[in-house]
Amino acid sequence: MTTSIALADLTHTGQIVAANTVPLGISMIAAYAKDRLGERIDVSLFRYPDDLAAHLGAHAPRIVGFSNCSWNVELSHEFARRLKAQRPETVIVFGGPNYPSTAEKRQAFLSEHAAIDFHVDGEGEAAFVALIESLEARGFDGQSIKRQRLEIANTDYLADGELVQGAMAPRLADLDQVPSPYLA
C-alpha cells in the first residue's frame, strides 16, 4: 500500500505572494524519501495555501509535513491545527530553522504548537525517512512512538508533556546522496 504524504513550504498570498521561490528544502526531502522508499510513498509538494487546502479537502494524506520558518510558522500551524481537528490520525511533522536551540525552549515551542506531532531538527532528509519507517512499522500510529518514547535521529516530540529528543545524526557527507529535486 502506498503512503500518501503532503509536504508544504507555505507562503502568504494575501495582497501579494510573499515568497515566490522554489520550495527547495521540501523538494530535497521529497526526492531523498522517494529515492529511499520508492513506490511505498507518494509525495505531493505545496507552496500556496489555497493549493494545500484544495488537496486536503480531496485527499487524506497519512503524513503532512510543514517547513518551519519565522515567516510561515503561524500559517503552517493553523493548517496543522485545523487538520488535526478534522483528522486526528494524520501525522503532522514540522522541520526547519525556526526552532529553538535549547531543550527547555523546544519543549515550550512544541507545547505552544500542540498540533505538531514531530519536529525534525537539522538535516531532514535521512531523519524524515527514519520517521516514516518508524511510523510504517507501527501502522502510522504516532502515539505508539510517543508511548514507547522511541528516539529517532534528529527528531523531537512531546510524550506526556516531556520532550523526547533523538540524537543528532551525522550530516550527509556526500550531497550526491540526495537526488536532484529538479530531475525527480
N, C-alpha and C. Protein backbone atom coordinates (compact mmCIF):
# COMPACT_ATOMS: atom_id res chain seq x y z
N MET A 1 0.84 -1.19 0.00
CA MET A 1 0.00 0.00 0.00
C MET A 1 0.88 1.25 0.00
N THR A 2 0.52 2.20 -0.79
CA THR A 2 1.28 3.44 -0.90
C THR A 2 0.84 4.43 0.17
N THR A 3 1.81 5.04 0.82
CA THR A 3 1.55 6.04 1.84
C THR A 3 1.54 7.42 1.20
N SER A 4 0.46 8.13 1.39
CA SER A 4 0.31 9.48 0.86
C SER A 4 0.91 10.49 1.83
N ILE A 5 1.78 11.34 1.29
CA ILE A 5 2.47 12.36 2.09
C ILE A 5 2.32 13.71 1.38
N ALA A 6 2.00 14.74 2.13
CA ALA A 6 1.98 16.11 1.60
C ALA A 6 3.03 16.91 2.35
N LEU A 7 3.87 17.62 1.61
CA LEU A 7 4.87 18.50 2.20
C LEU A 7 4.58 19.92 1.75
N ALA A 8 4.60 20.85 2.70
CA ALA A 8 4.24 22.23 2.40
C ALA A 8 5.28 23.21 2.93
N ASP A 9 5.70 24.10 2.07
CA ASP A 9 6.53 25.25 2.45
C ASP A 9 5.70 26.47 2.10
N LEU A 10 4.76 26.79 2.97
CA LEU A 10 3.73 27.78 2.66
C LEU A 10 4.26 29.20 2.67
N THR A 11 3.67 29.99 1.78
CA THR A 11 3.94 31.42 1.73
C THR A 11 2.61 32.16 1.83
N HIS A 12 2.66 33.36 2.35
CA HIS A 12 1.45 34.18 2.44
C HIS A 12 1.09 34.70 1.05
N THR A 13 -0.22 34.74 0.77
CA THR A 13 -0.68 35.15 -0.56
C THR A 13 -1.78 36.20 -0.50
N GLY A 14 -1.89 36.92 0.61
CA GLY A 14 -2.97 37.89 0.78
C GLY A 14 -2.97 38.98 -0.28
N GLN A 15 -2.15 40.00 -0.13
CA GLN A 15 -2.09 41.08 -1.09
C GLN A 15 -1.10 40.78 -2.22
N ILE A 16 -0.02 40.11 -1.85
CA ILE A 16 0.98 39.68 -2.83
C ILE A 16 1.47 38.30 -2.40
N VAL A 17 2.20 37.64 -3.29
CA VAL A 17 2.85 36.40 -2.90
C VAL A 17 4.13 36.80 -2.18
N ALA A 18 4.21 36.46 -0.90
CA ALA A 18 5.32 36.92 -0.07
C ALA A 18 6.66 36.34 -0.50
N ALA A 19 6.68 35.08 -0.89
CA ALA A 19 7.94 34.43 -1.27
C ALA A 19 7.65 33.50 -2.44
N ASN A 20 7.82 33.99 -3.63
CA ASN A 20 7.55 33.21 -4.83
C ASN A 20 8.84 32.52 -5.28
N THR A 21 9.28 31.59 -4.45
CA THR A 21 10.53 30.88 -4.72
C THR A 21 10.25 29.38 -4.78
N VAL A 22 11.20 28.65 -5.30
CA VAL A 22 11.09 27.19 -5.34
C VAL A 22 11.25 26.67 -3.92
N PRO A 23 10.36 25.79 -3.47
CA PRO A 23 10.48 25.22 -2.12
C PRO A 23 11.57 24.14 -2.08
N LEU A 24 12.82 24.58 -2.13
CA LEU A 24 13.95 23.65 -2.28
C LEU A 24 14.05 22.67 -1.13
N GLY A 25 13.89 23.13 0.10
CA GLY A 25 14.04 22.24 1.26
C GLY A 25 13.12 21.04 1.20
N ILE A 26 11.81 21.28 1.03
CA ILE A 26 10.87 20.16 0.98
C ILE A 26 11.06 19.34 -0.28
N SER A 27 11.53 19.98 -1.35
CA SER A 27 11.80 19.25 -2.59
C SER A 27 12.94 18.26 -2.40
N MET A 28 13.97 18.67 -1.67
CA MET A 28 15.09 17.77 -1.41
C MET A 28 14.68 16.63 -0.49
N ILE A 29 13.87 16.92 0.50
CA ILE A 29 13.37 15.88 1.39
C ILE A 29 12.51 14.89 0.61
N ALA A 30 11.65 15.39 -0.25
CA ALA A 30 10.80 14.51 -1.06
C ALA A 30 11.63 13.64 -2.00
N ALA A 31 12.62 14.23 -2.66
CA ALA A 31 13.45 13.47 -3.59
C ALA A 31 14.23 12.37 -2.87
N TYR A 32 14.76 12.69 -1.70
CA TYR A 32 15.52 11.71 -0.92
C TYR A 32 14.59 10.58 -0.44
N ALA A 33 13.43 10.95 0.08
CA ALA A 33 12.49 9.95 0.58
C ALA A 33 12.01 9.04 -0.55
N LYS A 34 11.70 9.62 -1.69
CA LYS A 34 11.24 8.82 -2.83
C LYS A 34 12.34 7.89 -3.31
N ASP A 35 13.58 8.36 -3.29
CA ASP A 35 14.71 7.54 -3.69
C ASP A 35 14.88 6.35 -2.74
N ARG A 36 14.71 6.58 -1.45
CA ARG A 36 14.92 5.53 -0.45
C ARG A 36 13.71 4.60 -0.29
N LEU A 37 12.51 5.15 -0.42
CA LEU A 37 11.31 4.37 -0.13
C LEU A 37 10.53 3.97 -1.39
N GLY A 38 10.87 4.55 -2.51
CA GLY A 38 10.28 4.15 -3.80
C GLY A 38 8.78 4.22 -3.83
N GLU A 39 8.17 3.16 -4.33
CA GLU A 39 6.73 3.11 -4.52
C GLU A 39 5.94 3.00 -3.22
N ARG A 40 6.64 2.89 -2.09
CA ARG A 40 5.94 2.82 -0.80
C ARG A 40 5.31 4.16 -0.45
N ILE A 41 5.79 5.25 -1.08
CA ILE A 41 5.25 6.58 -0.77
C ILE A 41 4.85 7.33 -2.04
N ASP A 42 3.92 8.22 -1.86
CA ASP A 42 3.51 9.17 -2.90
C ASP A 42 3.55 10.55 -2.24
N VAL A 43 4.41 11.43 -2.76
CA VAL A 43 4.63 12.73 -2.13
C VAL A 43 4.12 13.85 -3.03
N SER A 44 3.35 14.75 -2.44
CA SER A 44 2.88 15.96 -3.13
C SER A 44 3.48 17.17 -2.42
N LEU A 45 3.89 18.16 -3.19
CA LEU A 45 4.51 19.37 -2.65
C LEU A 45 3.60 20.58 -2.84
N PHE A 46 3.63 21.48 -1.85
CA PHE A 46 2.75 22.65 -1.90
C PHE A 46 3.49 23.90 -1.44
N ARG A 47 3.25 24.98 -2.16
CA ARG A 47 3.80 26.29 -1.81
C ARG A 47 2.69 27.25 -1.39
N TYR A 48 1.53 27.12 -2.03
CA TYR A 48 0.46 28.09 -1.82
C TYR A 48 -0.66 27.50 -0.95
N PRO A 49 -1.13 28.26 0.02
CA PRO A 49 -2.16 27.77 0.94
C PRO A 49 -3.42 27.26 0.24
N ASP A 50 -3.89 27.95 -0.78
CA ASP A 50 -5.11 27.50 -1.46
C ASP A 50 -4.93 26.13 -2.10
N ASP A 51 -3.74 25.88 -2.66
CA ASP A 51 -3.47 24.57 -3.27
C ASP A 51 -3.46 23.47 -2.21
N LEU A 52 -2.84 23.74 -1.07
CA LEU A 52 -2.81 22.75 0.00
C LEU A 52 -4.22 22.51 0.54
N ALA A 53 -4.99 23.56 0.73
CA ALA A 53 -6.36 23.41 1.23
C ALA A 53 -7.20 22.56 0.28
N ALA A 54 -7.07 22.80 -1.01
CA ALA A 54 -7.82 22.01 -2.00
C ALA A 54 -7.39 20.54 -1.95
N HIS A 55 -6.09 20.31 -1.84
CA HIS A 55 -5.59 18.94 -1.76
C HIS A 55 -6.11 18.23 -0.52
N LEU A 56 -6.04 18.90 0.63
CA LEU A 56 -6.50 18.30 1.88
C LEU A 56 -8.01 18.09 1.89
N GLY A 57 -8.73 18.90 1.12
CA GLY A 57 -10.18 18.71 1.00
C GLY A 57 -10.54 17.48 0.19
N ALA A 58 -9.65 17.08 -0.72
CA ALA A 58 -9.93 15.95 -1.61
C ALA A 58 -9.17 14.69 -1.24
N HIS A 59 -8.13 14.81 -0.41
CA HIS A 59 -7.29 13.67 -0.06
C HIS A 59 -7.06 13.64 1.44
N ALA A 60 -6.66 12.48 1.93
CA ALA A 60 -6.36 12.33 3.36
C ALA A 60 -4.96 11.73 3.50
N PRO A 61 -3.92 12.57 3.35
CA PRO A 61 -2.57 12.04 3.49
C PRO A 61 -2.32 11.49 4.89
N ARG A 62 -1.49 10.45 4.98
CA ARG A 62 -1.12 9.88 6.28
C ARG A 62 -0.22 10.84 7.05
N ILE A 63 0.67 11.52 6.30
CA ILE A 63 1.64 12.43 6.89
C ILE A 63 1.55 13.76 6.16
N VAL A 64 1.53 14.85 6.93
CA VAL A 64 1.62 16.18 6.34
C VAL A 64 2.77 16.88 7.04
N GLY A 65 3.74 17.32 6.24
CA GLY A 65 4.91 18.00 6.77
C GLY A 65 4.92 19.46 6.36
N PHE A 66 5.41 20.29 7.27
CA PHE A 66 5.47 21.74 7.03
C PHE A 66 6.87 22.25 7.30
N SER A 67 7.33 23.18 6.45
CA SER A 67 8.57 23.88 6.78
C SER A 67 8.26 24.86 7.90
N ASN A 68 9.23 25.03 8.77
CA ASN A 68 9.06 25.90 9.93
C ASN A 68 10.05 27.06 9.82
N CYS A 69 9.58 28.13 9.21
CA CYS A 69 10.39 29.35 9.08
C CYS A 69 9.69 30.46 9.86
N SER A 70 10.42 31.50 10.20
CA SER A 70 9.83 32.57 11.01
C SER A 70 8.64 33.22 10.31
N TRP A 71 8.64 33.25 8.99
CA TRP A 71 7.59 33.93 8.26
C TRP A 71 6.36 33.05 8.00
N ASN A 72 6.46 31.73 8.23
CA ASN A 72 5.30 30.90 7.93
C ASN A 72 4.86 29.99 9.07
N VAL A 73 5.48 30.09 10.23
CA VAL A 73 5.17 29.15 11.31
C VAL A 73 3.70 29.24 11.74
N GLU A 74 3.15 30.44 11.85
CA GLU A 74 1.76 30.55 12.29
C GLU A 74 0.79 30.09 11.21
N LEU A 75 1.09 30.41 9.96
CA LEU A 75 0.27 29.93 8.85
C LEU A 75 0.28 28.40 8.79
N SER A 76 1.47 27.83 8.88
CA SER A 76 1.60 26.37 8.84
C SER A 76 0.91 25.72 10.04
N HIS A 77 1.10 26.29 11.22
CA HIS A 77 0.49 25.69 12.40
C HIS A 77 -1.03 25.80 12.36
N GLU A 78 -1.56 26.86 11.78
CA GLU A 78 -3.02 26.96 11.67
C GLU A 78 -3.56 25.86 10.76
N PHE A 79 -2.85 25.58 9.65
CA PHE A 79 -3.24 24.45 8.80
C PHE A 79 -3.17 23.15 9.59
N ALA A 80 -2.09 22.97 10.34
CA ALA A 80 -1.91 21.75 11.12
C ALA A 80 -3.00 21.62 12.19
N ARG A 81 -3.31 22.71 12.86
CA ARG A 81 -4.33 22.70 13.91
C ARG A 81 -5.69 22.29 13.34
N ARG A 82 -6.06 22.88 12.21
CA ARG A 82 -7.35 22.55 11.60
C ARG A 82 -7.37 21.12 11.08
N LEU A 83 -6.27 20.69 10.52
CA LEU A 83 -6.18 19.32 10.02
C LEU A 83 -6.31 18.32 11.16
N LYS A 84 -5.62 18.57 12.27
CA LYS A 84 -5.71 17.69 13.44
C LYS A 84 -7.13 17.63 13.99
N ALA A 85 -7.84 18.75 13.95
CA ALA A 85 -9.22 18.78 14.44
C ALA A 85 -10.12 17.91 13.56
N GLN A 86 -9.86 17.90 12.26
CA GLN A 86 -10.68 17.11 11.33
C GLN A 86 -10.23 15.66 11.24
N ARG A 87 -8.92 15.44 11.26
CA ARG A 87 -8.36 14.10 11.08
C ARG A 87 -7.23 13.87 12.09
N PRO A 88 -7.58 13.56 13.32
CA PRO A 88 -6.55 13.44 14.36
C PRO A 88 -5.51 12.35 14.08
N GLU A 89 -5.83 11.40 13.23
CA GLU A 89 -4.88 10.33 12.92
C GLU A 89 -3.76 10.77 11.97
N THR A 90 -3.92 11.91 11.31
CA THR A 90 -2.88 12.43 10.42
C THR A 90 -1.66 12.82 11.24
N VAL A 91 -0.50 12.36 10.80
CA VAL A 91 0.74 12.68 11.50
C VAL A 91 1.26 14.00 10.96
N ILE A 92 1.47 14.96 11.86
CA ILE A 92 1.95 16.29 11.49
C ILE A 92 3.42 16.40 11.85
N VAL A 93 4.23 16.75 10.86
CA VAL A 93 5.68 16.88 11.05
C VAL A 93 6.09 18.29 10.64
N PHE A 94 6.88 18.93 11.48
CA PHE A 94 7.46 20.23 11.15
C PHE A 94 8.97 20.06 11.08
N GLY A 95 9.62 20.93 10.35
CA GLY A 95 11.07 20.94 10.30
C GLY A 95 11.53 22.25 9.68
N GLY A 96 12.67 22.71 10.11
CA GLY A 96 13.19 23.96 9.56
C GLY A 96 13.92 24.78 10.59
N PRO A 97 14.40 25.93 10.17
CA PRO A 97 15.30 26.72 11.01
C PRO A 97 14.64 27.50 12.14
N ASN A 98 13.33 27.62 12.16
CA ASN A 98 12.65 28.41 13.19
C ASN A 98 12.34 27.52 14.39
N TYR A 99 13.39 26.96 14.97
CA TYR A 99 13.23 26.01 16.06
C TYR A 99 14.25 26.36 17.13
N PRO A 100 13.84 26.45 18.38
CA PRO A 100 14.77 26.85 19.44
C PRO A 100 15.96 25.91 19.58
N SER A 101 17.00 26.41 20.20
CA SER A 101 18.23 25.62 20.34
C SER A 101 18.35 24.90 21.67
N THR A 102 17.57 25.29 22.68
CA THR A 102 17.67 24.62 23.98
C THR A 102 16.48 23.70 24.20
N ALA A 103 16.69 22.67 25.01
CA ALA A 103 15.64 21.70 25.29
C ALA A 103 14.42 22.37 25.94
N GLU A 104 14.65 23.29 26.86
CA GLU A 104 13.54 23.94 27.55
C GLU A 104 12.69 24.74 26.57
N LYS A 105 13.34 25.46 25.67
CA LYS A 105 12.59 26.26 24.70
C LYS A 105 11.92 25.38 23.65
N ARG A 106 12.53 24.25 23.31
CA ARG A 106 11.89 23.32 22.38
C ARG A 106 10.62 22.75 22.99
N GLN A 107 10.70 22.38 24.25
CA GLN A 107 9.54 21.85 24.94
C GLN A 107 8.42 22.90 24.95
N ALA A 108 8.77 24.14 25.22
CA ALA A 108 7.78 25.22 25.22
C ALA A 108 7.20 25.43 23.83
N PHE A 109 8.05 25.40 22.80
CA PHE A 109 7.60 25.58 21.42
C PHE A 109 6.59 24.50 21.06
N LEU A 110 6.92 23.24 21.34
CA LEU A 110 6.03 22.14 20.99
C LEU A 110 4.74 22.19 21.82
N SER A 111 4.82 22.66 23.04
CA SER A 111 3.61 22.83 23.88
C SER A 111 2.70 23.90 23.31
N GLU A 112 3.30 24.99 22.85
CA GLU A 112 2.53 26.10 22.28
C GLU A 112 1.96 25.76 20.91
N HIS A 113 2.59 24.85 20.20
CA HIS A 113 2.15 24.44 18.87
C HIS A 113 1.72 22.97 18.93
N ALA A 114 0.64 22.74 19.65
CA ALA A 114 0.23 21.39 20.02
C ALA A 114 -0.17 20.49 18.86
N ALA A 115 -0.43 21.04 17.69
CA ALA A 115 -0.80 20.20 16.55
C ALA A 115 0.40 19.48 15.95
N ILE A 116 1.60 19.88 16.34
CA ILE A 116 2.82 19.25 15.81
C ILE A 116 3.05 17.92 16.55
N ASP A 117 3.11 16.84 15.79
CA ASP A 117 3.43 15.54 16.38
C ASP A 117 4.93 15.35 16.52
N PHE A 118 5.68 15.73 15.49
CA PHE A 118 7.13 15.53 15.47
C PHE A 118 7.78 16.75 14.82
N HIS A 119 8.94 17.15 15.35
CA HIS A 119 9.72 18.23 14.74
C HIS A 119 11.10 17.70 14.41
N VAL A 120 11.47 17.80 13.14
CA VAL A 120 12.79 17.36 12.70
C VAL A 120 13.74 18.54 12.79
N ASP A 121 14.89 18.30 13.40
CA ASP A 121 15.90 19.33 13.60
C ASP A 121 17.11 19.00 12.71
N GLY A 122 17.75 20.02 12.18
CA GLY A 122 18.94 19.80 11.36
C GLY A 122 18.55 19.26 9.99
N GLU A 123 19.46 18.49 9.40
CA GLU A 123 19.18 17.92 8.08
C GLU A 123 17.97 16.99 8.16
N GLY A 124 17.03 17.23 7.28
CA GLY A 124 15.79 16.49 7.36
C GLY A 124 15.67 15.27 6.48
N GLU A 125 16.54 15.12 5.50
CA GLU A 125 16.36 14.05 4.53
C GLU A 125 16.34 12.67 5.19
N ALA A 126 17.44 12.27 5.81
CA ALA A 126 17.52 10.94 6.42
C ALA A 126 16.60 10.82 7.63
N ALA A 127 16.46 11.89 8.39
CA ALA A 127 15.60 11.86 9.58
C ALA A 127 14.14 11.64 9.18
N PHE A 128 13.70 12.27 8.12
CA PHE A 128 12.32 12.11 7.67
C PHE A 128 12.07 10.68 7.22
N VAL A 129 13.02 10.10 6.51
CA VAL A 129 12.89 8.70 6.10
C VAL A 129 12.83 7.78 7.32
N ALA A 130 13.68 8.03 8.31
CA ALA A 130 13.68 7.22 9.54
C ALA A 130 12.34 7.35 10.26
N LEU A 131 11.78 8.55 10.28
CA LEU A 131 10.48 8.77 10.91
C LEU A 131 9.39 8.01 10.15
N ILE A 132 9.39 8.10 8.83
CA ILE A 132 8.40 7.37 8.03
C ILE A 132 8.51 5.87 8.31
N GLU A 133 9.71 5.34 8.34
CA GLU A 133 9.89 3.91 8.58
C GLU A 133 9.43 3.52 9.98
N SER A 134 9.68 4.37 10.96
CA SER A 134 9.21 4.11 12.33
C SER A 134 7.69 4.12 12.40
N LEU A 135 7.08 5.08 11.71
CA LEU A 135 5.63 5.15 11.67
C LEU A 135 5.04 3.96 10.93
N GLU A 136 5.64 3.62 9.81
CA GLU A 136 5.18 2.49 9.00
C GLU A 136 5.18 1.19 9.82
N ALA A 137 6.22 0.99 10.61
CA ALA A 137 6.34 -0.21 11.43
C ALA A 137 5.27 -0.28 12.52
N ARG A 138 4.64 0.86 12.82
CA ARG A 138 3.63 0.93 13.87
C ARG A 138 2.26 1.30 13.31
N GLY A 139 2.03 0.99 12.04
CA GLY A 139 0.73 1.27 11.45
C GLY A 139 0.39 2.74 11.40
N PHE A 140 1.38 3.59 11.31
CA PHE A 140 1.24 5.05 11.26
C PHE A 140 0.54 5.60 12.51
N ASP A 141 0.80 4.94 13.62
CA ASP A 141 0.30 5.38 14.91
C ASP A 141 1.39 6.16 15.62
N GLY A 142 1.36 7.47 15.46
CA GLY A 142 2.36 8.33 16.09
C GLY A 142 2.33 8.23 17.60
N GLN A 143 1.16 7.97 18.15
CA GLN A 143 1.05 7.84 19.61
C GLN A 143 1.82 6.62 20.11
N SER A 144 1.94 5.59 19.29
CA SER A 144 2.71 4.41 19.67
C SER A 144 4.18 4.77 19.86
N ILE A 145 4.70 5.58 18.96
CA ILE A 145 6.09 6.05 19.08
C ILE A 145 6.25 6.83 20.38
N LYS A 146 5.26 7.67 20.66
CA LYS A 146 5.33 8.50 21.87
C LYS A 146 5.22 7.67 23.14
N ARG A 147 4.35 6.66 23.14
CA ARG A 147 4.22 5.79 24.31
C ARG A 147 5.52 5.03 24.58
N GLN A 148 6.19 4.63 23.50
CA GLN A 148 7.45 3.89 23.63
C GLN A 148 8.64 4.81 23.88
N ARG A 149 8.40 6.13 23.69
CA ARG A 149 9.48 7.13 23.80
C ARG A 149 10.66 6.73 22.90
N LEU A 150 10.30 6.29 21.71
CA LEU A 150 11.29 5.87 20.73
C LEU A 150 12.12 7.07 20.28
N GLU A 151 13.42 6.93 20.32
CA GLU A 151 14.29 8.01 19.86
C GLU A 151 14.58 7.82 18.37
N ILE A 152 14.28 8.84 17.60
CA ILE A 152 14.50 8.85 16.16
C ILE A 152 15.47 9.99 15.88
N ALA A 153 16.52 9.70 15.15
CA ALA A 153 17.57 10.69 14.89
C ALA A 153 16.98 12.01 14.41
N ASN A 154 17.48 13.10 14.98
CA ASN A 154 17.12 14.47 14.59
C ASN A 154 15.64 14.79 14.80
N THR A 155 14.94 14.01 15.59
CA THR A 155 13.50 14.18 15.73
C THR A 155 13.12 14.38 17.20
N ASP A 156 12.33 15.43 17.44
CA ASP A 156 11.84 15.77 18.77
C ASP A 156 10.33 15.63 18.80
N TYR A 157 9.80 15.33 19.97
CA TYR A 157 8.36 15.31 20.19
C TYR A 157 8.09 15.34 21.69
N LEU A 158 6.83 15.60 22.03
CA LEU A 158 6.42 15.57 23.42
C LEU A 158 5.71 14.25 23.71
N ALA A 159 6.09 13.62 24.83
CA ALA A 159 5.41 12.44 25.33
C ALA A 159 5.01 12.74 26.77
N ASP A 160 3.71 12.78 27.01
CA ASP A 160 3.19 13.15 28.33
C ASP A 160 3.78 14.48 28.81
N GLY A 161 3.91 15.43 27.89
CA GLY A 161 4.40 16.76 28.21
C GLY A 161 5.91 16.89 28.33
N GLU A 162 6.62 15.76 28.23
CA GLU A 162 8.08 15.78 28.32
C GLU A 162 8.71 15.71 26.94
N LEU A 163 9.80 16.43 26.76
CA LEU A 163 10.50 16.45 25.48
C LEU A 163 11.32 15.17 25.32
N VAL A 164 11.12 14.51 24.18
CA VAL A 164 11.94 13.37 23.78
C VAL A 164 12.74 13.83 22.57
N GLN A 165 14.07 13.70 22.66
CA GLN A 165 14.95 14.15 21.59
C GLN A 165 15.78 12.98 21.07
N GLY A 166 15.73 12.79 19.76
CA GLY A 166 16.62 11.83 19.14
C GLY A 166 18.00 12.43 18.99
N ALA A 167 19.02 11.60 19.02
CA ALA A 167 20.39 12.10 18.85
C ALA A 167 20.56 12.71 17.46
N MET A 168 21.44 13.67 17.37
CA MET A 168 21.73 14.28 16.07
C MET A 168 22.55 13.30 15.23
N ALA A 169 22.04 13.00 14.06
CA ALA A 169 22.74 12.11 13.13
C ALA A 169 23.87 12.88 12.46
N PRO A 170 24.90 12.18 12.00
CA PRO A 170 25.95 12.87 11.25
C PRO A 170 25.36 13.50 9.99
N ARG A 171 25.92 14.61 9.60
CA ARG A 171 25.46 15.27 8.38
C ARG A 171 25.80 14.42 7.17
N LEU A 172 25.04 14.57 6.12
CA LEU A 172 25.33 13.86 4.89
C LEU A 172 26.70 14.32 4.38
N ALA A 173 27.61 13.38 4.20
CA ALA A 173 28.96 13.72 3.77
C ALA A 173 29.02 13.98 2.27
N ASP A 174 28.11 13.38 1.54
CA ASP A 174 28.12 13.48 0.08
C ASP A 174 26.73 13.91 -0.39
N LEU A 175 26.61 15.13 -0.88
CA LEU A 175 25.31 15.63 -1.31
C LEU A 175 24.77 14.88 -2.52
N ASP A 176 25.61 14.09 -3.17
CA ASP A 176 25.11 13.26 -4.26
C ASP A 176 24.20 12.15 -3.76
N GLN A 177 24.13 11.96 -2.43
CA GLN A 177 23.19 11.01 -1.85
C GLN A 177 21.76 11.50 -1.99
N VAL A 178 21.59 12.79 -2.19
CA VAL A 178 20.26 13.38 -2.38
C VAL A 178 20.05 13.58 -3.88
N PRO A 179 19.08 12.87 -4.44
CA PRO A 179 18.81 13.07 -5.86
C PRO A 179 18.40 14.50 -6.16
N SER A 180 18.64 14.96 -7.35
CA SER A 180 18.24 16.31 -7.73
C SER A 180 16.73 16.43 -7.66
N PRO A 181 16.23 17.38 -6.88
CA PRO A 181 14.77 17.56 -6.84
C PRO A 181 14.23 18.05 -8.18
N TYR A 182 15.08 18.68 -8.97
CA TYR A 182 14.63 19.16 -10.27
C TYR A 182 14.42 18.00 -11.24
N LEU A 183 15.23 16.96 -11.12
CA LEU A 183 15.11 15.80 -12.00
C LEU A 183 14.12 14.78 -11.45
N ALA A 184 13.92 14.82 -10.13
CA ALA A 184 13.00 13.85 -9.52
C ALA A 184 11.58 14.37 -9.59
